[in-house]
Amino acid sequence: AERILLVLLNKNEKSEYRVAAFYLLGRIAHIFREGREAEAGHFYRQLRENYPNDQLADSAAVKLALIVVAGISQDASEKKVRNDIDALAVPVHRSARSDFHYLLAEYFMERGDLSAALERLLKVRELGINRGVNRADILIQIGRIAAEVGQEDVARLAYMDFIDEFPTDTRKYVVQDQLQLMDAEGEP
Protein backbone atom coordinates (compact mmCIF):
# COMPACT_ATOMS: atom_id res chain seq x y z
CA ALA A 1 0.00 0.00 0.00
CA GLU A 2 2.83 2.37 0.87
CA ARG A 3 4.50 1.93 -2.53
CA ILE A 4 1.23 2.47 -4.39
CA LEU A 5 0.47 5.60 -2.38
CA LEU A 6 3.94 7.02 -3.05
CA VAL A 7 3.50 6.43 -6.78
CA LEU A 8 0.09 8.07 -6.66
CA LEU A 9 1.50 11.02 -4.73
CA ASN A 10 4.39 11.58 -7.11
CA LYS A 11 2.56 10.83 -10.36
CA ASN A 12 -0.20 13.40 -10.54
CA GLU A 13 -0.23 16.67 -8.61
CA LYS A 14 -3.88 17.26 -9.47
CA SER A 15 -5.19 13.88 -8.36
CA GLU A 16 -8.16 13.95 -6.04
CA TYR A 17 -6.47 11.17 -4.12
CA ARG A 18 -3.44 13.20 -3.03
CA VAL A 19 -5.07 14.33 0.20
CA ALA A 20 -5.80 10.76 1.21
CA ALA A 21 -2.35 9.62 0.06
CA PHE A 22 -0.59 12.17 2.27
CA TYR A 23 -2.74 11.19 5.23
CA LEU A 24 -2.43 7.44 4.73
CA LEU A 25 1.34 7.63 4.23
CA GLY A 26 1.55 9.57 7.48
CA ARG A 27 -0.56 6.98 9.27
CA ILE A 28 1.50 4.09 7.88
CA ALA A 29 4.75 5.70 9.04
CA HIS A 30 3.24 6.65 12.38
CA ILE A 31 1.45 3.43 13.29
CA PHE A 32 3.15 0.61 11.44
CA ARG A 33 6.75 1.77 11.23
CA GLU A 34 8.30 2.27 14.64
CA GLY A 35 10.81 5.09 14.70
CA ARG A 36 9.43 6.83 11.61
CA GLU A 37 7.59 9.60 13.42
CA ALA A 38 9.63 12.27 11.61
CA GLU A 39 8.52 10.82 8.28
CA ALA A 40 4.92 10.69 9.46
CA GLY A 41 5.23 14.31 10.56
CA HIS A 42 6.55 15.23 7.12
CA PHE A 43 3.50 13.73 5.38
CA TYR A 44 1.11 15.35 7.87
CA ARG A 45 2.77 18.76 7.41
CA GLN A 46 2.66 18.41 3.62
CA LEU A 47 -1.04 17.63 3.81
CA ARG A 48 -1.66 20.66 6.04
CA GLU A 49 0.38 22.96 3.80
CA ASN A 50 -1.13 21.80 0.51
CA TYR A 51 -4.75 21.29 1.62
CA PRO A 52 -5.27 23.43 4.77
CA ASN A 53 -9.08 23.44 4.58
CA ASP A 54 -9.54 19.71 4.09
CA GLN A 55 -10.92 17.74 7.00
CA LEU A 56 -8.04 15.26 6.70
CA ALA A 57 -5.65 18.19 7.20
CA ASP A 58 -7.32 18.74 10.56
CA SER A 59 -6.93 15.07 11.40
CA ALA A 60 -3.28 15.41 10.43
CA ALA A 61 -2.96 18.36 12.85
CA VAL A 62 -4.18 16.11 15.67
CA LYS A 63 -1.72 13.38 14.67
CA LEU A 64 1.10 15.96 14.53
CA ALA A 65 0.18 17.09 18.03
CA LEU A 66 0.36 13.48 19.18
CA ILE A 67 3.85 13.12 17.68
CA VAL A 68 5.04 16.40 19.21
CA VAL A 69 3.79 15.70 22.74
CA ALA A 70 5.15 12.14 22.63
CA GLY A 71 8.54 13.63 21.80
CA ILE A 72 8.61 16.12 24.67
CA SER A 73 10.86 14.90 27.45
CA GLN A 74 9.25 14.45 30.86
CA ASP A 75 11.91 16.69 32.36
CA ALA A 76 11.47 19.42 29.75
CA SER A 77 11.12 22.90 31.17
CA GLU A 78 7.69 24.47 31.40
CA LYS A 79 8.82 27.08 28.87
CA LYS A 80 9.84 24.43 26.32
CA VAL A 81 6.57 22.57 26.78
CA ARG A 82 4.56 25.77 26.27
CA ASN A 83 6.62 26.76 23.22
CA ASP A 84 6.22 23.33 21.61
CA ILE A 85 2.49 23.27 22.25
CA ASP A 86 1.96 26.89 21.21
CA ALA A 87 3.67 26.08 17.89
CA LEU A 88 1.10 23.39 17.07
CA ALA A 89 -1.47 24.14 14.39
CA VAL A 90 -4.98 24.19 15.83
CA PRO A 91 -7.49 22.38 13.60
CA VAL A 92 -10.24 24.36 11.92
CA HIS A 93 -13.13 21.90 12.13
CA ARG A 94 -14.83 21.58 15.52
CA SER A 95 -14.56 17.81 15.91
CA ALA A 96 -10.83 17.79 15.18
CA ARG A 97 -10.34 20.83 17.42
CA SER A 98 -12.10 18.94 20.21
CA ASP A 99 -9.82 15.92 19.68
CA PHE A 100 -6.80 18.26 19.65
CA HIS A 101 -7.69 19.87 22.98
CA TYR A 102 -8.56 16.51 24.55
CA LEU A 103 -5.19 15.10 23.48
CA LEU A 104 -3.46 18.07 25.11
CA ALA A 105 -5.60 17.70 28.25
CA GLU A 106 -4.46 14.09 28.57
CA TYR A 107 -0.86 15.15 28.04
CA PHE A 108 -1.07 17.80 30.77
CA MET A 109 -2.74 15.32 33.12
CA GLU A 110 0.19 12.94 32.59
CA ARG A 111 2.62 15.78 33.35
CA GLY A 112 0.69 16.66 36.48
CA ASP A 113 -0.20 20.14 35.22
CA LEU A 114 -3.84 19.98 36.24
CA SER A 115 -4.57 23.67 35.60
CA ALA A 116 -3.47 23.34 31.97
CA ALA A 117 -5.41 20.06 31.66
CA LEU A 118 -8.53 21.74 33.01
CA GLU A 119 -8.13 24.63 30.57
CA ARG A 120 -8.07 22.16 27.65
CA LEU A 121 -10.99 20.11 28.98
CA LEU A 122 -13.07 23.26 29.28
CA LYS A 123 -12.30 24.01 25.62
CA VAL A 124 -13.48 20.52 24.68
CA ARG A 125 -16.67 21.09 26.63
CA GLU A 126 -17.13 24.54 25.08
CA LEU A 127 -17.00 23.03 21.59
CA GLY A 128 -20.03 21.02 22.66
CA ILE A 129 -19.72 18.15 20.22
CA ASN A 130 -19.10 15.34 22.66
CA ARG A 131 -22.00 13.02 23.17
CA GLY A 132 -22.88 10.03 25.30
CA VAL A 133 -20.24 8.31 27.40
CA ASN A 134 -17.50 10.57 26.05
CA ARG A 135 -19.32 13.68 27.29
CA ALA A 136 -20.05 12.02 30.62
CA ASP A 137 -16.36 11.18 31.04
CA ILE A 138 -15.35 14.74 30.21
CA LEU A 139 -17.78 16.20 32.74
CA ILE A 140 -16.44 13.91 35.45
CA GLN A 141 -12.83 14.77 34.54
CA ILE A 142 -13.62 18.48 34.65
CA GLY A 143 -15.31 18.08 38.03
CA ARG A 144 -12.48 16.06 39.53
CA ILE A 145 -9.66 18.26 38.23
CA ALA A 146 -11.44 21.53 38.99
CA ALA A 147 -11.98 20.39 42.58
CA GLU A 148 -8.31 19.42 42.88
CA VAL A 149 -7.10 22.83 41.68
CA GLY A 150 -9.52 24.71 43.92
CA GLN A 151 -12.08 25.76 41.31
CA GLU A 152 -15.09 24.42 43.16
CA ASP A 153 -17.62 26.45 41.17
CA VAL A 154 -16.38 24.87 37.95
CA ALA A 155 -16.36 21.43 39.58
CA ARG A 156 -19.85 21.86 40.97
CA LEU A 157 -21.24 22.99 37.60
CA ALA A 158 -19.65 20.04 35.77
CA TYR A 159 -20.92 17.57 38.36
CA MET A 160 -24.45 19.03 38.30
CA ASP A 161 -24.49 18.91 34.48
CA PHE A 162 -23.39 15.28 34.68
CA ILE A 163 -26.25 14.39 37.04
CA ASP A 164 -28.77 16.28 34.87
CA GLU A 165 -27.59 14.81 31.58
CA PHE A 166 -26.81 11.26 32.72
CA PRO A 167 -29.32 10.38 35.46
CA THR A 168 -29.00 6.62 34.85
CA ASP A 169 -25.19 6.51 34.86
CA THR A 170 -24.08 4.60 37.95
CA ARG A 171 -21.28 7.11 38.53
CA LYS A 172 -23.92 9.62 39.63
CA TYR A 173 -23.67 8.27 43.19
CA VAL A 174 -19.96 9.05 43.37
CA VAL A 175 -20.63 12.47 41.84
CA GLN A 176 -23.40 13.16 44.36
CA ASP A 177 -21.00 12.21 47.16
CA GLN A 178 -18.42 14.63 45.77
CA LEU A 179 -21.01 17.42 45.67
CA GLN A 180 -22.03 16.71 49.28
CA LEU A 181 -18.39 16.69 50.33
CA MET A 182 -17.79 20.07 48.63
CA ASP A 183 -20.92 21.46 50.31
CA ALA A 184 -19.79 20.18 53.72
CA GLU A 185 -16.31 21.67 53.27
CA GLY A 186 -17.81 25.00 52.30
CA GLU A 187 -19.92 25.26 55.47
CA PRO A 188 -18.55 27.35 58.37
C-alpha atoms as a PDB file:
ATOM      1  CA  ALA A   1       0.000   0.000   0.000  1.00  0.00           C
ATOM      2  CA  GLU A   2       2.826   2.365   0.873  1.00  0.00           C
ATOM      3  CA  ARG A   3       4.503   1.929  -2.533  1.00  0.00           C
ATOM      4  CA  ILE A   4       1.231   2.466  -4.386  1.00  0.00           C
ATOM      5  CA  LEU A   5       0.472   5.600  -2.376  1.00  0.00           C
ATOM      6  CA  LEU A   6       3.943   7.017  -3.047  1.00  0.00           C
ATOM      7  CA  VAL A   7       3.505   6.434  -6.783  1.00  0.00           C
ATOM      8  CA  LEU A   8       0.088   8.074  -6.661  1.00  0.00           C
ATOM      9  CA  LEU A   9       1.499  11.018  -4.733  1.00  0.00           C
ATOM     10  CA  ASN A  10       4.393  11.579  -7.109  1.00  0.00           C
ATOM     11  CA  LYS A  11       2.564  10.832 -10.357  1.00  0.00           C
ATOM     12  CA  ASN A  12      -0.196  13.401 -10.539  1.00  0.00           C
ATOM     13  CA  GLU A  13      -0.235  16.671  -8.607  1.00  0.00           C
ATOM     14  CA  LYS A  14      -3.879  17.260  -9.469  1.00  0.00           C
ATOM     15  CA  SER A  15      -5.188  13.884  -8.362  1.00  0.00           C
ATOM     16  CA  GLU A  16      -8.162  13.953  -6.044  1.00  0.00           C
ATOM     17  CA  TYR A  17      -6.471  11.166  -4.122  1.00  0.00           C
ATOM     18  CA  ARG A  18      -3.439  13.196  -3.029  1.00  0.00           C
ATOM     19  CA  VAL A  19      -5.066  14.335   0.196  1.00  0.00           C
ATOM     20  CA  ALA A  20      -5.799  10.759   1.210  1.00  0.00           C
ATOM     21  CA  ALA A  21      -2.353   9.616   0.059  1.00  0.00           C
ATOM     22  CA  PHE A  22      -0.586  12.171   2.270  1.00  0.00           C
ATOM     23  CA  TYR A  23      -2.741  11.193   5.231  1.00  0.00           C
ATOM     24  CA  LEU A  24      -2.426   7.437   4.731  1.00  0.00           C
ATOM     25  CA  LEU A  25       1.342   7.627   4.231  1.00  0.00           C
ATOM     26  CA  GLY A  26       1.551   9.569   7.481  1.00  0.00           C
ATOM     27  CA  ARG A  27      -0.560   6.978   9.271  1.00  0.00           C
ATOM     28  CA  ILE A  28       1.504   4.090   7.878  1.00  0.00           C
ATOM     29  CA  ALA A  29       4.749   5.698   9.036  1.00  0.00           C
ATOM     30  CA  HIS A  30       3.236   6.651  12.384  1.00  0.00           C
ATOM     31  CA  ILE A  31       1.452   3.431  13.290  1.00  0.00           C
ATOM     32  CA  PHE A  32       3.150   0.608  11.441  1.00  0.00           C
ATOM     33  CA  ARG A  33       6.748   1.775  11.226  1.00  0.00           C
ATOM     34  CA  GLU A  34       8.300   2.272  14.641  1.00  0.00           C
ATOM     35  CA  GLY A  35      10.808   5.092  14.696  1.00  0.00           C
ATOM     36  CA  ARG A  36       9.431   6.832  11.608  1.00  0.00           C
ATOM     37  CA  GLU A  37       7.588   9.597  13.420  1.00  0.00           C
ATOM     38  CA  ALA A  38       9.632  12.267  11.606  1.00  0.00           C
ATOM     39  CA  GLU A  39       8.521  10.819   8.275  1.00  0.00           C
ATOM     40  CA  ALA A  40       4.918  10.690   9.463  1.00  0.00           C
ATOM     41  CA  GLY A  41       5.227  14.312  10.564  1.00  0.00           C
ATOM     42  CA  HIS A  42       6.545  15.235   7.120  1.00  0.00           C
ATOM     43  CA  PHE A  43       3.497  13.733   5.383  1.00  0.00           C
ATOM     44  CA  TYR A  44       1.107  15.346   7.868  1.00  0.00           C
ATOM     45  CA  ARG A  45       2.769  18.756   7.412  1.00  0.00           C
ATOM     46  CA  GLN A  46       2.661  18.412   3.620  1.00  0.00           C
ATOM     47  CA  LEU A  47      -1.038  17.629   3.813  1.00  0.00           C
ATOM     48  CA  ARG A  48      -1.661  20.662   6.037  1.00  0.00           C
ATOM     49  CA  GLU A  49       0.380  22.961   3.800  1.00  0.00           C
ATOM     50  CA  ASN A  50      -1.134  21.804   0.510  1.00  0.00           C
ATOM     51  CA  TYR A  51      -4.749  21.289   1.619  1.00  0.00           C
ATOM     52  CA  PRO A  52      -5.271  23.430   4.769  1.00  0.00           C
ATOM     53  CA  ASN A  53      -9.081  23.438   4.578  1.00  0.00           C
ATOM     54  CA  ASP A  54      -9.538  19.713   4.085  1.00  0.00           C
ATOM     55  CA  GLN A  55     -10.923  17.738   7.001  1.00  0.00           C
ATOM     56  CA  LEU A  56      -8.036  15.262   6.700  1.00  0.00           C
ATOM     57  CA  ALA A  57      -5.650  18.195   7.202  1.00  0.00           C
ATOM     58  CA  ASP A  58      -7.320  18.742  10.557  1.00  0.00           C
ATOM     59  CA  SER A  59      -6.926  15.070  11.397  1.00  0.00           C
ATOM     60  CA  ALA A  60      -3.277  15.410  10.426  1.00  0.00           C
ATOM     61  CA  ALA A  61      -2.955  18.356  12.846  1.00  0.00           C
ATOM     62  CA  VAL A  62      -4.184  16.111  15.667  1.00  0.00           C
ATOM     63  CA  LYS A  63      -1.716  13.384  14.668  1.00  0.00           C
ATOM     64  CA  LEU A  64       1.099  15.956  14.531  1.00  0.00           C
ATOM     65  CA  ALA A  65       0.179  17.088  18.031  1.00  0.00           C
ATOM     66  CA  LEU A  66       0.364  13.476  19.179  1.00  0.00           C
ATOM     67  CA  ILE A  67       3.848  13.120  17.680  1.00  0.00           C
ATOM     68  CA  VAL A  68       5.036  16.396  19.212  1.00  0.00           C
ATOM     69  CA  VAL A  69       3.794  15.697  22.743  1.00  0.00           C
ATOM     70  CA  ALA A  70       5.150  12.143  22.625  1.00  0.00           C
ATOM     71  CA  GLY A  71       8.540  13.635  21.798  1.00  0.00           C
ATOM     72  CA  ILE A  72       8.611  16.123  24.673  1.00  0.00           C
ATOM     73  CA  SER A  73      10.860  14.902  27.454  1.00  0.00           C
ATOM     74  CA  GLN A  74       9.246  14.452  30.860  1.00  0.00           C
ATOM     75  CA  ASP A  75      11.914  16.693  32.360  1.00  0.00           C
ATOM     76  CA  ALA A  76      11.469  19.422  29.747  1.00  0.00           C
ATOM     77  CA  SER A  77      11.117  22.903  31.171  1.00  0.00           C
ATOM     78  CA  GLU A  78       7.690  24.475  31.400  1.00  0.00           C
ATOM     79  CA  LYS A  79       8.817  27.078  28.874  1.00  0.00           C
ATOM     80  CA  LYS A  80       9.841  24.426  26.319  1.00  0.00           C
ATOM     81  CA  VAL A  81       6.565  22.572  26.785  1.00  0.00           C
ATOM     82  CA  ARG A  82       4.561  25.767  26.273  1.00  0.00           C
ATOM     83  CA  ASN A  83       6.620  26.763  23.224  1.00  0.00           C
ATOM     84  CA  ASP A  84       6.220  23.327  21.607  1.00  0.00           C
ATOM     85  CA  ILE A  85       2.494  23.272  22.250  1.00  0.00           C
ATOM     86  CA  ASP A  86       1.957  26.890  21.206  1.00  0.00           C
ATOM     87  CA  ALA A  87       3.671  26.082  17.886  1.00  0.00           C
ATOM     88  CA  LEU A  88       1.096  23.391  17.066  1.00  0.00           C
ATOM     89  CA  ALA A  89      -1.471  24.142  14.387  1.00  0.00           C
ATOM     90  CA  VAL A  90      -4.984  24.186  15.828  1.00  0.00           C
ATOM     91  CA  PRO A  91      -7.488  22.376  13.598  1.00  0.00           C
ATOM     92  CA  VAL A  92     -10.237  24.362  11.918  1.00  0.00           C
ATOM     93  CA  HIS A  93     -13.129  21.895  12.131  1.00  0.00           C
ATOM     94  CA  ARG A  94     -14.828  21.585  15.521  1.00  0.00           C
ATOM     95  CA  SER A  95     -14.565  17.814  15.907  1.00  0.00           C
ATOM     96  CA  ALA A  96     -10.826  17.786  15.176  1.00  0.00           C
ATOM     97  CA  ARG A  97     -10.336  20.828  17.418  1.00  0.00           C
ATOM     98  CA  SER A  98     -12.100  18.943  20.209  1.00  0.00           C
ATOM     99  CA  ASP A  99      -9.820  15.924  19.680  1.00  0.00           C
ATOM    100  CA  PHE A 100      -6.797  18.261  19.655  1.00  0.00           C
ATOM    101  CA  HIS A 101      -7.692  19.874  22.981  1.00  0.00           C
ATOM    102  CA  TYR A 102      -8.555  16.514  24.548  1.00  0.00           C
ATOM    103  CA  LEU A 103      -5.193  15.099  23.482  1.00  0.00           C
ATOM    104  CA  LEU A 104      -3.459  18.070  25.108  1.00  0.00           C
ATOM    105  CA  ALA A 105      -5.602  17.705  28.248  1.00  0.00           C
ATOM    106  CA  GLU A 106      -4.462  14.095  28.569  1.00  0.00           C
ATOM    107  CA  TYR A 107      -0.855  15.154  28.044  1.00  0.00           C
ATOM    108  CA  PHE A 108      -1.068  17.804  30.765  1.00  0.00           C
ATOM    109  CA  MET A 109      -2.740  15.320  33.120  1.00  0.00           C
ATOM    110  CA  GLU A 110       0.187  12.942  32.594  1.00  0.00           C
ATOM    111  CA  ARG A 111       2.621  15.784  33.348  1.00  0.00           C
ATOM    112  CA  GLY A 112       0.692  16.660  36.483  1.00  0.00           C
ATOM    113  CA  ASP A 113      -0.199  20.142  35.216  1.00  0.00           C
ATOM    114  CA  LEU A 114      -3.843  19.985  36.236  1.00  0.00           C
ATOM    115  CA  SER A 115      -4.568  23.667  35.601  1.00  0.00           C
ATOM    116  CA  ALA A 116      -3.472  23.337  31.966  1.00  0.00           C
ATOM    117  CA  ALA A 117      -5.406  20.064  31.655  1.00  0.00           C
ATOM    118  CA  LEU A 118      -8.534  21.736  33.006  1.00  0.00           C
ATOM    119  CA  GLU A 119      -8.126  24.626  30.573  1.00  0.00           C
ATOM    120  CA  ARG A 120      -8.075  22.162  27.651  1.00  0.00           C
ATOM    121  CA  LEU A 121     -10.993  20.106  28.980  1.00  0.00           C
ATOM    122  CA  LEU A 122     -13.067  23.257  29.277  1.00  0.00           C
ATOM    123  CA  LYS A 123     -12.302  24.010  25.623  1.00  0.00           C
ATOM    124  CA  VAL A 124     -13.481  20.517  24.682  1.00  0.00           C
ATOM    125  CA  ARG A 125     -16.670  21.086  26.626  1.00  0.00           C
ATOM    126  CA  GLU A 126     -17.129  24.540  25.079  1.00  0.00           C
ATOM    127  CA  LEU A 127     -16.995  23.027  21.593  1.00  0.00           C
ATOM    128  CA  GLY A 128     -20.029  21.016  22.660  1.00  0.00           C
ATOM    129  CA  ILE A 129     -19.724  18.153  20.215  1.00  0.00           C
ATOM    130  CA  ASN A 130     -19.096  15.335  22.657  1.00  0.00           C
ATOM    131  CA  ARG A 131     -22.004  13.017  23.169  1.00  0.00           C
ATOM    132  CA  GLY A 132     -22.880  10.028  25.297  1.00  0.00           C
ATOM    133  CA  VAL A 133     -20.240   8.314  27.402  1.00  0.00           C
ATOM    134  CA  ASN A 134     -17.502  10.574  26.052  1.00  0.00           C
ATOM    135  CA  ARG A 135     -19.316  13.679  27.294  1.00  0.00           C
ATOM    136  CA  ALA A 136     -20.048  12.016  30.619  1.00  0.00           C
ATOM    137  CA  ASP A 137     -16.361  11.178  31.040  1.00  0.00           C
ATOM    138  CA  ILE A 138     -15.351  14.743  30.215  1.00  0.00           C
ATOM    139  CA  LEU A 139     -17.779  16.203  32.742  1.00  0.00           C
ATOM    140  CA  ILE A 140     -16.436  13.915  35.445  1.00  0.00           C
ATOM    141  CA  GLN A 141     -12.831  14.768  34.536  1.00  0.00           C
ATOM    142  CA  ILE A 142     -13.618  18.475  34.648  1.00  0.00           C
ATOM    143  CA  GLY A 143     -15.314  18.083  38.032  1.00  0.00           C
ATOM    144  CA  ARG A 144     -12.476  16.061  39.532  1.00  0.00           C
ATOM    145  CA  ILE A 145      -9.662  18.255  38.231  1.00  0.00           C
ATOM    146  CA  ALA A 146     -11.442  21.534  38.994  1.00  0.00           C
ATOM    147  CA  ALA A 147     -11.983  20.390  42.585  1.00  0.00           C
ATOM    148  CA  GLU A 148      -8.308  19.416  42.878  1.00  0.00           C
ATOM    149  CA  VAL A 149      -7.099  22.832  41.680  1.00  0.00           C
ATOM    150  CA  GLY A 150      -9.523  24.706  43.923  1.00  0.00           C
ATOM    151  CA  GLN A 151     -12.081  25.760  41.314  1.00  0.00           C
ATOM    152  CA  GLU A 152     -15.089  24.417  43.161  1.00  0.00           C
ATOM    153  CA  ASP A 153     -17.620  26.453  41.172  1.00  0.00           C
ATOM    154  CA  VAL A 154     -16.377  24.871  37.947  1.00  0.00           C
ATOM    155  CA  ALA A 155     -16.357  21.430  39.577  1.00  0.00           C
ATOM    156  CA  ARG A 156     -19.850  21.862  40.966  1.00  0.00           C
ATOM    157  CA  LEU A 157     -21.236  22.987  37.604  1.00  0.00           C
ATOM    158  CA  ALA A 158     -19.649  20.044  35.765  1.00  0.00           C
ATOM    159  CA  TYR A 159     -20.920  17.571  38.355  1.00  0.00           C
ATOM    160  CA  MET A 160     -24.446  19.032  38.295  1.00  0.00           C
ATOM    161  CA  ASP A 161     -24.486  18.908  34.484  1.00  0.00           C
ATOM    162  CA  PHE A 162     -23.391  15.276  34.678  1.00  0.00           C
ATOM    163  CA  ILE A 163     -26.252  14.388  37.036  1.00  0.00           C
ATOM    164  CA  ASP A 164     -28.772  16.275  34.874  1.00  0.00           C
ATOM    165  CA  GLU A 165     -27.592  14.806  31.579  1.00  0.00           C
ATOM    166  CA  PHE A 166     -26.811  11.260  32.721  1.00  0.00           C
ATOM    167  CA  PRO A 167     -29.321  10.377  35.462  1.00  0.00           C
ATOM    168  CA  THR A 168     -28.997   6.618  34.850  1.00  0.00           C
ATOM    169  CA  ASP A 169     -25.186   6.511  34.859  1.00  0.00           C
ATOM    170  CA  THR A 170     -24.080   4.602  37.947  1.00  0.00           C
ATOM    171  CA  ARG A 171     -21.279   7.110  38.534  1.00  0.00           C
ATOM    172  CA  LYS A 172     -23.916   9.624  39.635  1.00  0.00           C
ATOM    173  CA  TYR A 173     -23.669   8.268  43.192  1.00  0.00           C
ATOM    174  CA  VAL A 174     -19.960   9.050  43.375  1.00  0.00           C
ATOM    175  CA  VAL A 175     -20.626  12.471  41.840  1.00  0.00           C
ATOM    176  CA  GLN A 176     -23.400  13.164  44.359  1.00  0.00           C
ATOM    177  CA  ASP A 177     -20.995  12.210  47.160  1.00  0.00           C
ATOM    178  CA  GLN A 178     -18.424  14.633  45.771  1.00  0.00           C
ATOM    179  CA  LEU A 179     -21.011  17.417  45.672  1.00  0.00           C
ATOM    180  CA  GLN A 180     -22.032  16.712  49.279  1.00  0.00           C
ATOM    181  CA  LEU A 181     -18.389  16.691  50.325  1.00  0.00           C
ATOM    182  CA  MET A 182     -17.792  20.065  48.633  1.00  0.00           C
ATOM    183  CA  ASP A 183     -20.919  21.464  50.307  1.00  0.00           C
ATOM    184  CA  ALA A 184     -19.794  20.178  53.719  1.00  0.00           C
ATOM    185  CA  GLU A 185     -16.306  21.666  53.271  1.00  0.00           C
ATOM    186  CA  GLY A 186     -17.809  25.004  52.301  1.00  0.00           C
ATOM    187  CA  GLU A 187     -19.921  25.259  55.471  1.00  0.00           C
ATOM    188  CA  PRO A 188     -18.546  27.351  58.368  1.00  0.00           C
END
